[in-house]
């Protein structure tokens, strides 16, 4: 009992000063009211007993509230709660209850985010290892074959060297894309925004793809906007976007055409790349911007894709305050579009 009283008083020590001041004021008024010394001392004893009792009560109440909070925190730490609605405190702690619920939501959100980051990091490392291993092993195989004597065989030596060289190009492209996406995601990518004539800009880019399209007998068509249309963006980074999108459109189109359109509304210019290629299954549309995701892995590798192109496109366009929109039907073609501010 006495130990409990001591604990309760210790818990209420934060109120000692207030009760001391209160008692002094009451004693002063008692001195003025009571003419009898005996009555005055009786009043003092009563005041101290009352204060002592109230302090014990306050200490006990405070301990109960603290224990209630400790129980809630313990349950959160042990993942006992599955919903913030399960967190309930007494009426006196109602405001604190709301704060704890918000903390619970934040902690769960942070944990989910960290788990997602860990999963992405693990998948990324596994994918990078796999993607690097493929060209390295291929190059190693061709070189070892040549060293074992094939270098002297005129029927295969040049073919093996050409294949090894192609794999070094694929490896270089992969490493460049890895560097790009690492800089983008770490915030180290420098952007230089300015206004430029979109028709002139796209016309120059298309010239670089004429040969690639002609080799596949694919028609490359540009539908320009009005001649004076100026859009706002980073020309170098947008060239990377256009290059990735046009490369994919031509690679995955066996016949027909690839169209580049520039349209506009009140505030934006809309760049559209449309093809008549193999298309993308509907169930894969939400995943095509993930790093290393390929709709058809075997086909993507055979045409030299790194699996990072669309992820880079997504990040660059988002850095322009826009989003990449995709429409596609299997065996009919795909359409990628994004907006730039006028």
C-alpha atoms as a PDB file:
ATOM      1  CA  UNK A   1       0.000   0.000   0.000  1.00  0.00           C
ATOM      2  CA  UNK A   2       2.662   2.494   1.046  1.00  0.00           C
ATOM      3  CA  UNK A   3       4.716   1.524  -1.999  1.00  0.00           C
ATOM      4  CA  UNK A   4       1.703   2.197  -4.229  1.00  0.00           C
ATOM      5  CA  UNK A   5       1.178   5.594  -2.556  1.00  0.00           C
ATOM      6  CA  UNK A   6       4.850   6.429  -3.134  1.00  0.00           C
ATOM      7  CA  UNK A   7       4.613   5.470  -6.811  1.00  0.00           C
ATOM      8  CA  UNK A   8       1.440   7.511  -7.279  1.00  0.00           C
ATOM      9  CA  UNK A   9       3.009  10.566  -5.603  1.00  0.00           C
ATOM     10  CA  UNK A  10       6.125  10.156  -7.746  1.00  0.00           C
ATOM     11  CA  UNK A  11       3.971  10.077 -10.858  1.00  0.00           C
ATOM     12  CA  UNK A  12       2.178  13.264  -9.724  1.00  0.00           C
ATOM     13  CA  UNK A  13       5.345  15.194  -8.904  1.00  0.00           C
ATOM     14  CA  UNK A  14       4.811  17.317 -11.970  1.00  0.00           C
ATOM     15  CA  UNK A  15       1.861  18.914 -10.144  1.00  0.00           C
ATOM     16  CA  UNK A  16       3.710  19.671  -6.864  1.00  0.00           C
ATOM     17  CA  UNK A  17       4.467  23.297  -7.691  1.00  0.00           C
ATOM     18  CA  UNK A  18       0.882  24.073  -8.655  1.00  0.00           C
ATOM     19  CA  UNK A  19      -0.469  22.481  -5.445  1.00  0.00           C
ATOM     20  CA  UNK A  20       2.137  24.273  -3.341  1.00  0.00           C
ATOM     21  CA  UNK A  21       1.069  27.636  -4.734  1.00  0.00           C
ATOM     22  CA  UNK A  22      -2.587  26.680  -4.327  1.00  0.00           C
ATOM     23  CA  UNK A  23      -2.046  25.614  -0.694  1.00  0.00           C
ATOM     24  CA  UNK A  24      -0.193  28.838   0.167  1.00  0.00           C
ATOM     25  CA  UNK A  25      -3.068  30.905  -1.220  1.00  0.00           C
ATOM     26  CA  UNK A  26      -5.683  28.873   0.704  1.00  0.00           C
ATOM     27  CA  UNK A  27      -3.638  29.087   3.923  1.00  0.00           C
ATOM     28  CA  UNK A  28      -3.316  32.843   3.508  1.00  0.00           C
ATOM     29  CA  UNK A  29      -7.083  33.248   3.161  1.00  0.00           C
ATOM     30  CA  UNK A  30      -7.638  30.874   6.106  1.00  0.00           C
ATOM     31  CA  UNK A  31      -5.407  33.072   8.218  1.00  0.00           C
ATOM     32  CA  UNK A  32      -7.579  36.057   7.319  1.00  0.00           C
ATOM     33  CA  UNK A  33     -10.855  34.228   7.919  1.00  0.00           C
ATOM     34  CA  UNK A  34     -10.220  32.296  11.137  1.00  0.00           C
ATOM     35  CA  UNK A  35      -9.737  34.277  14.354  1.00  0.00           C
ATOM     36  CA  UNK A  36      -8.963  31.177  16.345  1.00  0.00           C
ATOM     37  CA  UNK A  37      -5.448  29.742  16.105  1.00  0.00           C
ATOM     38  CA  UNK A  38      -6.823  26.244  16.658  1.00  0.00           C
ATOM     39  CA  UNK A  39      -9.237  26.542  13.729  1.00  0.00           C
ATOM     40  CA  UNK A  40      -6.456  27.959  11.618  1.00  0.00           C
ATOM     41  CA  UNK A  41      -4.175  24.954  12.273  1.00  0.00           C
ATOM     42  CA  UNK A  42      -7.060  22.534  11.714  1.00  0.00           C
ATOM     43  CA  UNK A  43      -7.680  24.170   8.325  1.00  0.00           C
ATOM     44  CA  UNK A  44      -3.984  23.824   7.426  1.00  0.00           C
ATOM     45  CA  UNK A  45      -4.009  20.111   8.275  1.00  0.00           C
ATOM     46  CA  UNK A  46      -7.198  19.635   6.261  1.00  0.00           C
ATOM     47  CA  UNK A  47      -5.706  21.473   3.263  1.00  0.00           C
ATOM     48  CA  UNK A  48      -2.552  19.328   3.305  1.00  0.00           C
ATOM     49  CA  UNK A  49      -4.517  16.081   3.681  1.00  0.00           C
ATOM     50  CA  UNK A  50      -6.818  17.099   0.829  1.00  0.00           C
ATOM     51  CA  UNK A  51      -3.882  18.071  -1.397  1.00  0.00           C
ATOM     52  CA  UNK A  52      -2.081  14.841  -0.516  1.00  0.00           C
ATOM     53  CA  UNK A  53      -5.165  12.798  -1.417  1.00  0.00           C
ATOM     54  CA  UNK A  54      -5.718  14.642  -4.685  1.00  0.00           C
ATOM     55  CA  UNK A  55      -2.056  14.180  -5.656  1.00  0.00           C
ATOM     56  CA  UNK A  56      -2.318  10.441  -5.023  1.00  0.00           C
ATOM     57  CA  UNK A  57      -5.468  10.297  -7.145  1.00  0.00           C
ATOM     58  CA  UNK A  58      -3.851  12.320  -9.966  1.00  0.00           C
ATOM     59  CA  UNK A  59      -0.735  10.154  -9.858  1.00  0.00           C
ATOM     60  CA  UNK A  60      -2.802   6.981 -10.025  1.00  0.00           C
ATOM     61  CA  UNK A  61      -4.841   8.381 -12.917  1.00  0.00           C
ATOM     62  CA  UNK A  62      -1.680   9.455 -14.746  1.00  0.00           C
ATOM     63  CA  UNK A  63      -0.108   6.002 -14.303  1.00  0.00           C
ATOM     64  CA  UNK A  64      -3.269   4.401 -15.713  1.00  0.00           C
ATOM     65  CA  UNK A  65      -3.162   6.682 -18.761  1.00  0.00           C
ATOM     66  CA  UNK A  66       0.548   6.010 -19.315  1.00  0.00           C
ATOM     67  CA  UNK A  67      -0.035   2.264 -19.034  1.00  0.00           C
ATOM     68  CA  UNK A  68      -2.849   2.574 -21.535  1.00  0.00           C
ATOM     69  CA  UNK A  69      -0.534   4.362 -23.981  1.00  0.00           C
ATOM     70  CA  UNK A  70       2.271   1.849 -23.355  1.00  0.00           C
ATOM     71  CA  UNK A  71      -0.120  -1.010 -24.118  1.00  0.00           C
ATOM     72  CA  UNK A  72      -1.155   0.592 -27.391  1.00  0.00           C
ATOM     73  CA  UNK A  73       2.489   1.194 -28.415  1.00  0.00           C
ATOM     74  CA  UNK A  74       3.417  -2.377 -27.440  1.00  0.00           C
ATOM     75  CA  UNK A  75       0.582  -3.750 -29.567  1.00  0.00           C
ATOM     76  CA  UNK A  76       1.689  -1.623 -32.505  1.00  0.00           C
ATOM     77  CA  UNK A  77       5.276  -2.808 -32.092  1.00  0.00           C
ATOM     78  CA  UNK A  78       4.148  -6.445 -31.996  1.00  0.00           C
ATOM     79  CA  UNK A  79       1.932  -5.970 -35.097  1.00  0.00           C
ATOM     80  CA  UNK A  80      -1.179  -6.947 -33.144  1.00  0.00           C
ATOM     81  CA  UNK A  81      -3.294  -4.291 -34.834  1.00  0.00           C
ATOM     82  CA  UNK A  82      -4.275  -4.701 -38.465  1.00  0.00           C
ATOM     83  CA  UNK A  83      -6.255  -1.464 -38.710  1.00  0.00           C
ATOM     84  CA  UNK A  84      -6.055   1.966 -37.022  1.00  0.00           C
ATOM     85  CA  UNK A  85      -9.709   1.555 -36.014  1.00  0.00           C
ATOM     86  CA  UNK A  86      -8.608  -1.070 -33.496  1.00  0.00           C
ATOM     87  CA  UNK A  87      -6.686   1.590 -31.542  1.00  0.00           C
ATOM     88  CA  UNK A  88      -8.937   2.935 -28.796  1.00  0.00           C
ATOM     89  CA  UNK A  89      -7.997   5.136 -25.829  1.00  0.00           C
ATOM     90  CA  UNK A  90     -10.113   6.544 -23.002  1.00  0.00           C
ATOM     91  CA  UNK A  91     -11.999   9.796 -23.497  1.00  0.00           C
ATOM     92  CA  UNK A  92      -9.296  11.859 -21.784  1.00  0.00           C
ATOM     93  CA  UNK A  93      -6.792  10.681 -24.405  1.00  0.00           C
ATOM     94  CA  UNK A  94      -9.051  11.158 -27.409  1.00  0.00           C
ATOM     95  CA  UNK A  95      -6.785  13.723 -29.113  1.00  0.00           C
ATOM     96  CA  UNK A  96      -3.749  11.530 -28.520  1.00  0.00           C
ATOM     97  CA  UNK A  97      -5.670   8.609 -29.991  1.00  0.00           C
ATOM     98  CA  UNK A  98      -5.945  10.406 -33.335  1.00  0.00           C
ATOM     99  CA  UNK A  99      -2.199  11.147 -33.319  1.00  0.00           C
ATOM    100  CA  UNK A 100      -1.367   7.511 -32.549  1.00  0.00           C
ATOM    101  CA  UNK A 101      -3.650   6.358 -35.357  1.00  0.00           C
ATOM    102  CA  UNK A 102      -1.869   8.667 -37.791  1.00  0.00           C
ATOM    103  CA  UNK A 103       1.477   7.401 -36.506  1.00  0.00           C
ATOM    104  CA  UNK A 104       0.258   3.819 -36.996  1.00  0.00           C
ATOM    105  CA  UNK A 105      -0.734   4.561 -40.594  1.00  0.00           C
ATOM    106  CA  UNK A 106       2.607   6.272 -41.235  1.00  0.00           C
ATOM    107  CA  UNK A 107       4.609   3.390 -39.747  1.00  0.00           C
ATOM    108  CA  UNK A 108       2.688   0.824 -41.778  1.00  0.00           C
ATOM    109  CA  UNK A 109       3.110   2.905 -44.904  1.00  0.00           C
ATOM    110  CA  UNK A 110       6.852   3.265 -44.277  1.00  0.00           C
ATOM    111  CA  UNK A 111       7.227  -0.467 -43.633  1.00  0.00           C
ATOM    112  CA  UNK A 112       5.321  -1.298 -46.814  1.00  0.00           C
ATOM    113  CA  UNK A 113       7.449   1.175 -48.754  1.00  0.00           C
ATOM    114  CA  UNK A 114      10.705  -0.225 -47.335  1.00  0.00           C
ATOM    115  CA  UNK A 115       9.630  -3.788 -48.110  1.00  0.00           C
ATOM    116  CA  UNK A 116       8.770  -2.723 -51.644  1.00  0.00           C
ATOM    117  CA  UNK A 117      12.150  -1.018 -52.020  1.00  0.00           C
ATOM    118  CA  UNK A 118      13.906  -4.118 -50.741  1.00  0.00           C
ATOM    119  CA  UNK A 119      11.972  -6.293 -53.174  1.00  0.00           C
ATOM    120  CA  UNK A 120      12.741  -3.928 -56.053  1.00  0.00           C
ATOM    121  CA  UNK A 121      16.425  -3.809 -55.065  1.00  0.00           C
ATOM    122  CA  UNK A 122      16.639  -7.600 -54.909  1.00  0.00           C
ATOM    123  CA  UNK A 123      14.865  -7.989 -58.247  1.00  0.00           C
ATOM    124  CA  UNK A 124      17.031  -5.254 -59.768  1.00  0.00           C
ATOM    125  CA  UNK A 125      20.279  -6.915 -58.659  1.00  0.00           C
ATOM    126  CA  UNK A 126      19.069 -10.284 -59.921  1.00  0.00           C
ATOM    127  CA  UNK A 127      18.024  -8.792 -63.258  1.00  0.00           C
ATOM    128  CA  UNK A 128      21.252  -6.827 -63.663  1.00  0.00           C
ATOM    129  CA  UNK A 129      23.305  -9.942 -62.919  1.00  0.00           C
ATOM    130  CA  UNK A 130      21.320 -11.931 -65.454  1.00  0.00           C
ATOM    131  CA  UNK A 131      21.426  -9.233 -68.140  1.00  0.00           C
ATOM    132  CA  UNK A 132      25.179  -8.730 -67.731  1.00  0.00           C
ATOM    133  CA  UNK A 133      25.885 -12.451 -67.645  1.00  0.00           C
ATOM    134  CA  UNK A 134      24.189 -13.112 -71.002  1.00  0.00           C
ATOM    135  CA  UNK A 135      26.447 -10.960 -73.251  1.00  0.00           C
ATOM    136  CA  UNK A 136      29.569 -11.640 -71.177  1.00  0.00           C
ATOM    137  CA  UNK A 137      29.154 -15.414 -71.429  1.00  0.00           C
ATOM    138  CA  UNK A 138      28.384 -15.134 -75.142  1.00  0.00           C
ATOM    139  CA  UNK A 139      31.494 -13.027 -75.779  1.00  0.00           C
ATOM    140  CA  UNK A 140      33.565 -15.424 -73.676  1.00  0.00           C
ATOM    141  CA  UNK A 141      32.245 -18.403 -75.640  1.00  0.00           C
ATOM    142  CA  UNK A 142      33.048 -16.880 -79.038  1.00  0.00           C
ATOM    143  CA  UNK A 143      36.524 -15.777 -77.947  1.00  0.00           C
ATOM    144  CA  UNK A 144      37.366 -19.187 -76.447  1.00  0.00           C
ATOM    145  CA  UNK A 145      36.203 -20.897 -79.635  1.00  0.00           C
ATOM    146  CA  UNK A 146      38.403 -18.621 -81.722  1.00  0.00           C
ATOM    147  CA  UNK A 147      41.390 -19.209 -79.423  1.00  0.00           C
ATOM    148  CA  UNK A 148      40.868 -22.976 -79.669  1.00  0.00           C
ATOM    149  CA  UNK A 149      41.540 -22.817 -83.397  1.00  0.00           C
ATOM    150  CA  UNK A 150      38.506 -21.307 -85.066  1.00  0.00           C
ATOM    151  CA  UNK A 151      40.506 -18.107 -85.654  1.00  0.00           C
ATOM    152  CA  UNK A 152      42.214 -19.919 -88.534  1.00  0.00           C
ATOM    153  CA  UNK A 153      38.924 -21.106 -90.053  1.00  0.00           C
ATOM    154  CA  UNK A 154      37.916 -18.486 -92.609  1.00  0.00           C
ATOM    155  CA  UNK A 155      34.367 -19.903 -92.683  1.00  0.00           C
ATOM    156  CA  UNK A 156      33.587 -19.008 -89.077  1.00  0.00           C
ATOM    157  CA  UNK A 157      36.191 -16.546 -87.720  1.00  0.00           C
ATOM    158  CA  UNK A 158      34.601 -13.367 -89.094  1.00  0.00           C
ATOM    159  CA  UNK A 159      31.105 -14.541 -88.165  1.00  0.00           C
ATOM    160  CA  UNK A 160      32.201 -15.246 -84.590  1.00  0.00           C
ATOM    161  CA  UNK A 161      33.970 -11.898 -84.330  1.00  0.00           C
ATOM    162  CA  UNK A 162      30.884 -10.101 -85.636  1.00  0.00           C
ATOM    163  CA  UNK A 163      28.685 -11.895 -83.087  1.00  0.00           C
ATOM    164  CA  UNK A 164      31.100 -11.112 -80.257  1.00  0.00           C
ATOM    165  CA  UNK A 165      31.185  -7.489 -81.374  1.00  0.00           C
ATOM    166  CA  UNK A 166      27.384  -7.317 -81.398  1.00  0.00           C
ATOM    167  CA  UNK A 167      27.292  -8.612 -77.830  1.00  0.00           C
ATOM    168  CA  UNK A 168      29.820  -5.960 -76.759  1.00  0.00           C
ATOM    169  CA  UNK A 169      27.504  -3.343 -78.299  1.00  0.00           C
ATOM    170  CA  UNK A 170      24.549  -4.816 -76.374  1.00  0.00           C
ATOM    171  CA  UNK A 171      26.630  -4.822 -73.210  1.00  0.00           C
ATOM    172  CA  UNK A 172      27.635  -1.195 -73.762  1.00  0.00           C
ATOM    173  CA  UNK A 173      23.986  -0.213 -74.346  1.00  0.00           C
ATOM    174  CA  UNK A 174      22.955  -1.992 -71.158  1.00  0.00           C
ATOM    175  CA  UNK A 175      25.639  -0.266 -69.092  1.00  0.00           C
ATOM    176  CA  UNK A 176      24.713   3.136 -70.545  1.00  0.00           C
ATOM    177  CA  UNK A 177      21.041   2.551 -69.703  1.00  0.00           C
ATOM    178  CA  UNK A 178      21.984   1.435 -66.191  1.00  0.00           C
ATOM    179  CA  UNK A 179      23.989   4.622 -65.689  1.00  0.00           C
ATOM    180  CA  UNK A 180      21.121   6.737 -67.039  1.00  0.00           C
ATOM    181  CA  UNK A 181      18.445   5.182 -64.843  1.00  0.00           C
ATOM    182  CA  UNK A 182      20.745   5.314 -61.803  1.00  0.00           C
ATOM    183  CA  UNK A 183      21.306   9.056 -62.330  1.00  0.00           C
ATOM    184  CA  UNK A 184      17.601   9.645 -62.867  1.00  0.00           C
ATOM    185  CA  UNK A 185      16.470   7.769 -59.757  1.00  0.00           C
ATOM    186  CA  UNK A 186      19.194   9.302 -57.564  1.00  0.00           C
ATOM    187  CA  UNK A 187      18.187  12.830 -58.631  1.00  0.00           C
ATOM    188  CA  UNK A 188      21.532  13.500 -60.312  1.00  0.00           C
ATOM    189  CA  UNK A 189      20.020  13.939 -63.761  1.00  0.00           C
ATOM    190  CA  UNK A 190      20.445  17.554 -64.837  1.00  0.00           C
ATOM    191  CA  UNK A 191      17.585  19.059 -66.811  1.00  0.00           C
ATOM    192  CA  UNK A 192      17.857  22.064 -69.100  1.00  0.00           C
ATOM    193  CA  UNK A 193      14.403  23.323 -70.049  1.00  0.00           C
ATOM    194  CA  UNK A 194      13.817  25.743 -72.894  1.00  0.00           C
ATOM    195  CA  UNK A 195      11.360  26.454 -75.711  1.00  0.00           C
ATOM    196  CA  UNK A 196      12.050  24.913 -79.120  1.00  0.00           C
ATOM    197  CA  UNK A 197      10.284  24.375 -82.434  1.00  0.00           C
ATOM    198  CA  UNK A 198       8.838  20.892 -82.142  1.00  0.00           C
ATOM    199  CA  UNK A 199       8.418  20.253 -85.889  1.00  0.00           C
ATOM    200  CA  UNK A 200      12.055  21.039 -86.696  1.00  0.00           C
ATOM    201  CA  UNK A 201      13.200  19.044 -83.686  1.00  0.00           C
ATOM    202  CA  UNK A 202      11.299  15.857 -84.604  1.00  0.00           C
ATOM    203  CA  UNK A 203      12.169  16.152 -88.302  1.00  0.00           C
ATOM    204  CA  UNK A 204      15.878  15.949 -87.440  1.00  0.00           C
ATOM    205  CA  UNK A 205      15.345  12.934 -85.175  1.00  0.00           C
ATOM    206  CA  UNK A 206      13.352  11.085 -87.833  1.00  0.00           C
ATOM    207  CA  UNK A 207      16.222  11.358 -90.310  1.00  0.00           C
ATOM    208  CA  UNK A 208      18.303   9.141 -88.018  1.00  0.00           C
ATOM    209  CA  UNK A 209      15.685   6.383 -88.309  1.00  0.00           C
ATOM    210  CA  UNK A 210      15.070   6.444 -92.071  1.00  0.00           C
ATOM    211  CA  UNK A 211      17.664   3.771 -92.808  1.00  0.00           C
ATOM    212  CA  UNK A 212      16.420   1.521 -90.003  1.00  0.00           C
ATOM    213  CA  UNK A 213      12.836   1.808 -91.281  1.00  0.00           C
ATOM    214  CA  UNK A 214      13.822   1.335 -94.953  1.00  0.00           C
ATOM    215  CA  UNK A 215      15.717  -1.874 -94.097  1.00  0.00           C
ATOM    216  CA  UNK A 216      12.439  -3.352 -92.825  1.00  0.00           C
ATOM    217  CA  UNK A 217      10.341  -1.786 -95.615  1.00  0.00           C
ATOM    218  CA  UNK A 218       8.413   0.180 -93.005  1.00  0.00           C
ATOM    219  CA  UNK A 219       6.945   3.553 -93.872  1.00  0.00           C
ATOM    220  CA  UNK A 220       8.031   6.291 -91.453  1.00  0.00           C
ATOM    221  CA  UNK A 221       5.472   9.114 -91.501  1.00  0.00           C
ATOM    222  CA  UNK A 222       5.566  12.460 -89.710  1.00  0.00           C
ATOM    223  CA  UNK A 223       2.390  14.511 -89.222  1.00  0.00           C
ATOM    224  CA  UNK A 224       3.594  17.933 -88.008  1.00  0.00           C
ATOM    225  CA  UNK A 225       1.642  20.517 -86.065  1.00  0.00           C
ATOM    226  CA  UNK A 226       1.370  24.149 -87.080  1.00  0.00           C
ATOM    227  CA  UNK A 227       4.702  25.505 -88.216  1.00  0.00           C
ATOM    228  CA  UNK A 228       5.362  27.923 -85.331  1.00  0.00           C
ATOM    229  CA  UNK A 229       4.482  25.599 -82.439  1.00  0.00           C
ATOM    230  CA  UNK A 230       7.008  25.963 -79.593  1.00  0.00           C
ATOM    231  CA  UNK A 231       7.110  23.458 -76.728  1.00  0.00           C
ATOM    232  CA  UNK A 232       8.974  23.556 -73.414  1.00  0.00           C
ATOM    233  CA  UNK A 233      11.371  20.809 -72.421  1.00  0.00           C
ATOM    234  CA  UNK A 234      14.883  19.404 -72.269  1.00  0.00           C
ATOM    235  CA  UNK A 235      15.846  18.692 -75.882  1.00  0.00           C
ATOM    236  CA  UNK A 236      18.634  16.227 -75.062  1.00  0.00           C
ATOM    237  CA  UNK A 237      16.541  14.144 -72.661  1.00  0.00           C
ATOM    238  CA  UNK A 238      13.526  14.239 -74.970  1.00  0.00           C
ATOM    239  CA  UNK A 239      15.724  12.987 -77.811  1.00  0.00           C
ATOM    240  CA  UNK A 240      16.460   9.953 -75.635  1.00  0.00           C
ATOM    241  CA  UNK A 241      12.700   9.475 -75.178  1.00  0.00           C
ATOM    242  CA  UNK A 242      11.995   9.762 -78.912  1.00  0.00           C
ATOM    243  CA  UNK A 243      14.908   7.461 -79.746  1.00  0.00           C
ATOM    244  CA  UNK A 244      13.693   4.744 -77.379  1.00  0.00           C
ATOM    245  CA  UNK A 245      10.083   4.955 -78.524  1.00  0.00           C
ATOM    246  CA  UNK A 246      10.923   5.040 -82.250  1.00  0.00           C
ATOM    247  CA  UNK A 247      13.454   2.219 -81.903  1.00  0.00           C
ATOM    248  CA  UNK A 248      10.842   0.025 -80.223  1.00  0.00           C
ATOM    249  CA  UNK A 249       8.164   0.963 -82.752  1.00  0.00           C
ATOM    250  CA  UNK A 250      10.370  -0.021 -85.712  1.00  0.00           C
ATOM    251  CA  UNK A 251      11.826  -3.139 -84.071  1.00  0.00           C
ATOM    252  CA  UNK A 252       8.430  -4.579 -83.225  1.00  0.00           C
ATOM    253  CA  UNK A 253       6.749  -3.706 -86.510  1.00  0.00           C
ATOM    254  CA  UNK A 254       7.153  -6.239 -89.305  1.00  0.00           C
ATOM    255  CA  UNK A 255       4.973  -4.506 -91.875  1.00  0.00           C
ATOM    256  CA  UNK A 256       2.984  -1.315 -92.228  1.00  0.00           C
ATOM    257  CA  UNK A 257       4.130   2.012 -90.864  1.00  0.00           C
ATOM    258  CA  UNK A 258       5.296   4.025 -87.904  1.00  0.00           C
ATOM    259  CA  UNK A 259       3.694   7.441 -87.489  1.00  0.00           C
ATOM    260  CA  UNK A 260       4.838  10.417 -85.449  1.00  0.00           C
ATOM    261  CA  UNK A 261       2.126  12.976 -84.816  1.00  0.00           C
ATOM    262  CA  UNK A 262       2.195  16.357 -83.088  1.00  0.00           C
ATOM    263  CA  UNK A 263      -1.169  17.649 -81.933  1.00  0.00           C
ATOM    264  CA  UNK A 264      -2.067  20.460 -79.566  1.00  0.00           C
ATOM    265  CA  UNK A 265      -4.742  21.655 -77.195  1.00  0.00           C
ATOM    266  CA  UNK A 266      -5.041  24.920 -75.259  1.00  0.00           C
ATOM    267  CA  UNK A 267      -1.996  24.438 -73.012  1.00  0.00           C
ATOM    268  CA  UNK A 268      -0.035  21.477 -74.331  1.00  0.00           C
ATOM    269  CA  UNK A 269       1.526  19.903 -77.360  1.00  0.00           C
ATOM    270  CA  UNK A 270       0.899  16.161 -77.665  1.00  0.00           C
ATOM    271  CA  UNK A 271       3.556  13.917 -79.219  1.00  0.00           C
ATOM    272  CA  UNK A 272       2.263  10.572 -80.453  1.00  0.00           C
ATOM    273  CA  UNK A 273       4.253   7.577 -81.762  1.00  0.00           C
ATOM    274  CA  UNK A 274       1.956   5.035 -83.381  1.00  0.00           C
ATOM    275  CA  UNK A 275       2.862   1.756 -85.084  1.00  0.00           C
ATOM    276  CA  UNK A 276       1.203  -1.219 -86.777  1.00  0.00           C
ATOM    277  CA  UNK A 277       3.383  -3.743 -84.956  1.00  0.00           C
ATOM    278  CA  UNK A 278       2.834  -6.805 -82.801  1.00  0.00           C
ATOM    279  CA  UNK A 279       1.123  -4.875 -80.014  1.00  0.00           C
ATOM    280  CA  UNK A 280       1.149  -5.498 -76.275  1.00  0.00           C
ATOM    281  CA  UNK A 281      -1.164  -7.869 -74.381  1.00  0.00           C
ATOM    282  CA  UNK A 282      -3.641  -5.979 -72.192  1.00  0.00           C
ATOM    283  CA  UNK A 283      -2.453  -7.740 -69.026  1.00  0.00           C
ATOM    284  CA  UNK A 284       1.099  -6.423 -69.594  1.00  0.00           C
ATOM    285  CA  UNK A 285       0.250  -2.764 -70.221  1.00  0.00           C
ATOM    286  CA  UNK A 286       0.613  -1.838 -66.538  1.00  0.00           C
ATOM    287  CA  UNK A 287       4.080  -3.415 -66.323  1.00  0.00           C
ATOM    288  CA  UNK A 288       5.886  -2.318 -69.478  1.00  0.00           C
ATOM    289  CA  UNK A 289       7.546   0.633 -67.684  1.00  0.00           C
ATOM    290  CA  UNK A 290       9.088  -1.608 -65.028  1.00  0.00           C
ATOM    291  CA  UNK A 291      12.844  -2.047 -65.226  1.00  0.00           C
ATOM    292  CA  UNK A 292      13.838  -5.157 -67.192  1.00  0.00           C
ATOM    293  CA  UNK A 293      10.250  -6.137 -67.885  1.00  0.00           C
ATOM    294  CA  UNK A 294       9.841  -7.628 -71.348  1.00  0.00           C
ATOM    295  CA  UNK A 295       6.592  -8.712 -72.959  1.00  0.00           C
ATOM    296  CA  UNK A 296       8.441 -11.303 -75.045  1.00  0.00           C
ATOM    297  CA  UNK A 297      11.824 -11.956 -73.443  1.00  0.00           C
ATOM    298  CA  UNK A 298      13.267 -14.073 -76.230  1.00  0.00           C
ATOM    299  CA  UNK A 299      12.206 -11.646 -78.947  1.00  0.00           C
ATOM    300  CA  UNK A 300      13.383  -8.582 -76.978  1.00  0.00           C
ATOM    301  CA  UNK A 301      16.864 -10.019 -76.560  1.00  0.00           C
ATOM    302  CA  UNK A 302      17.054 -11.066 -80.205  1.00  0.00           C
ATOM    303  CA  UNK A 303      16.471  -7.460 -81.300  1.00  0.00           C
ATOM    304  CA  UNK A 304      18.917  -6.075 -78.752  1.00  0.00           C
ATOM    305  CA  UNK A 305      16.644  -4.608 -76.100  1.00  0.00           C
ATOM    306  CA  UNK A 306      18.021  -3.919 -72.612  1.00  0.00           C
ATOM    307  CA  UNK A 307      14.660  -3.846 -70.835  1.00  0.00           C
ATOM    308  CA  UNK A 308      15.369  -0.367 -69.458  1.00  0.00           C
ATOM    309  CA  UNK A 309      14.308   1.864 -72.345  1.00  0.00           C
ATOM    310  CA  UNK A 310      10.695   2.424 -71.311  1.00  0.00           C
ATOM    311  CA  UNK A 311      11.649   2.863 -67.653  1.00  0.00           C
ATOM    312  CA  UNK A 312      13.986   5.683 -68.743  1.00  0.00           C
ATOM    313  CA  UNK A 313      11.239   7.158 -70.936  1.00  0.00           C
ATOM    314  CA  UNK A 314       8.811   7.154 -67.997  1.00  0.00           C
ATOM    315  CA  UNK A 315      11.241   8.925 -65.640  1.00  0.00           C
ATOM    316  CA  UNK A 316      12.220  11.601 -68.180  1.00  0.00           C
ATOM    317  CA  UNK A 317       8.621  12.417 -69.099  1.00  0.00           C
ATOM    318  CA  UNK A 318       7.639  12.553 -65.417  1.00  0.00           C
ATOM    319  CA  UNK A 319      10.514  15.018 -64.888  1.00  0.00           C
ATOM    320  CA  UNK A 320       8.714  17.192 -67.479  1.00  0.00           C
ATOM    321  CA  UNK A 321       5.560  17.127 -65.339  1.00  0.00           C
ATOM    322  CA  UNK A 322       3.782  14.730 -67.679  1.00  0.00           C
ATOM    323  CA  UNK A 323       2.969  11.033 -68.081  1.00  0.00           C
ATOM    324  CA  UNK A 324       3.354   8.501 -70.866  1.00  0.00           C
ATOM    325  CA  UNK A 325       0.016   7.128 -72.056  1.00  0.00           C
ATOM    326  CA  UNK A 326      -0.193   3.787 -73.853  1.00  0.00           C
ATOM    327  CA  UNK A 327      -2.829   2.260 -76.095  1.00  0.00           C
ATOM    328  CA  UNK A 328      -2.254  -1.117 -77.675  1.00  0.00           C
ATOM    329  CA  UNK A 329      -4.007  -4.090 -79.224  1.00  0.00           C
ATOM    330  CA  UNK A 330      -2.303  -7.390 -79.780  1.00  0.00           C
ATOM    331  CA  UNK A 331      -1.280  -7.912 -83.437  1.00  0.00           C
ATOM    332  CA  UNK A 332      -2.695  -4.503 -84.370  1.00  0.00           C
ATOM    333  CA  UNK A 333      -0.169  -2.016 -83.023  1.00  0.00           C
ATOM    334  CA  UNK A 334       0.674   0.346 -80.202  1.00  0.00           C
ATOM    335  CA  UNK A 335       0.459   4.069 -79.495  1.00  0.00           C
ATOM    336  CA  UNK A 336       2.628   5.949 -77.004  1.00  0.00           C
ATOM    337  CA  UNK A 337       1.928   9.600 -76.263  1.00  0.00           C
ATOM    338  CA  UNK A 338       2.984  12.345 -73.856  1.00  0.00           C
ATOM    339  CA  UNK A 339       2.357  16.054 -73.375  1.00  0.00           C
ATOM    340  CA  UNK A 340       4.723  19.018 -73.250  1.00  0.00           C
ATOM    341  CA  UNK A 341       3.797  22.491 -72.060  1.00  0.00           C
ATOM    342  CA  UNK A 342       3.411  25.220 -74.653  1.00  0.00           C
END
